[in-house]
Amino acid sequence: MRVASAVEDREYRPFAYIRDNYPQYLFTLDPLLQRRDGVRHLNLADFMADGGELLAP
């Protein structure tokens, strides 16, 4: 389980260096989605199947 935590930290770490107010998205193929430190985690396959719209109502 520690390996998964290290991978997760590696994926989210670069967002900590971005200091703007734009929405931040992490696209992966993982079915387990989450939000961490304001970064939305989205499944890429679902995103593309739904038309690729980030500003859905």
Protein backbone atom coordinates (compact mmCIF):
# COMPACT_ATOMS: atom_id res chain seq x y z
CA MET A 1 0.00 0.00 0.00
CA ARG A 2 2.95 2.32 0.57
CA VAL A 3 3.86 2.20 -3.14
CA ALA A 4 0.40 3.46 -4.08
CA SER A 5 0.77 6.33 -1.63
CA ALA A 6 4.15 7.27 -3.10
CA VAL A 7 2.71 7.27 -6.62
CA GLU A 8 -0.21 9.40 -5.50
CA ASP A 9 2.15 11.90 -3.86
CA ARG A 10 4.25 12.02 -7.03
CA GLU A 11 1.20 12.78 -9.17
CA TYR A 12 -0.14 15.57 -6.95
CA ARG A 13 3.17 17.21 -5.93
CA PRO A 14 3.62 19.42 -9.05
CA PHE A 15 0.30 21.14 -8.37
CA ALA A 16 1.69 22.55 -5.12
CA TYR A 17 4.12 24.68 -7.16
CA ILE A 18 1.41 26.30 -9.28
CA ARG A 19 0.26 29.51 -7.60
CA ASP A 20 -2.52 30.72 -9.89
CA ASN A 21 -6.27 30.64 -9.39
CA TYR A 22 -7.10 28.43 -12.34
CA PRO A 23 -8.83 25.09 -11.72
CA GLN A 24 -6.41 22.18 -11.50
CA TYR A 25 -7.22 18.76 -12.92
CA LEU A 26 -5.42 15.42 -12.76
CA PHE A 27 -6.47 12.97 -15.47
CA THR A 28 -5.76 9.27 -14.93
CA LEU A 29 -7.31 5.94 -15.86
CA ASP A 30 -8.02 5.10 -12.20
CA PRO A 31 -11.66 4.33 -11.40
CA LEU A 32 -11.23 5.64 -7.83
CA LEU A 33 -11.59 9.41 -8.03
CA GLN A 34 -10.82 11.93 -5.34
CA ARG A 35 -10.07 15.57 -4.68
CA ARG A 36 -6.89 16.57 -2.92
CA ASP A 37 -5.66 20.08 -2.08
CA GLY A 38 -8.15 21.56 -4.53
CA VAL A 39 -7.05 19.37 -7.45
CA ARG A 40 -9.89 17.49 -9.13
CA HIS A 41 -9.03 13.93 -10.12
CA LEU A 42 -10.89 12.84 -13.25
CA ASN A 43 -11.00 9.56 -15.12
CA LEU A 44 -9.77 10.26 -18.66
CA ALA A 45 -11.91 7.58 -20.34
CA ASP A 46 -15.09 8.88 -18.68
CA PHE A 47 -14.13 12.46 -19.48
CA MET A 48 -13.70 11.68 -23.19
CA ALA A 49 -16.87 9.55 -23.32
CA ASP A 50 -18.87 12.42 -21.82
CA GLY A 51 -17.68 14.84 -24.49
CA GLY A 52 -14.69 16.33 -22.71
CA GLU A 53 -16.51 19.20 -21.00
CA LEU A 54 -14.93 20.55 -17.81
CA LEU A 55 -17.60 23.13 -17.10
CA ALA A 56 -20.54 20.74 -16.79
CA PRO A 57 -23.56 22.08 -14.89
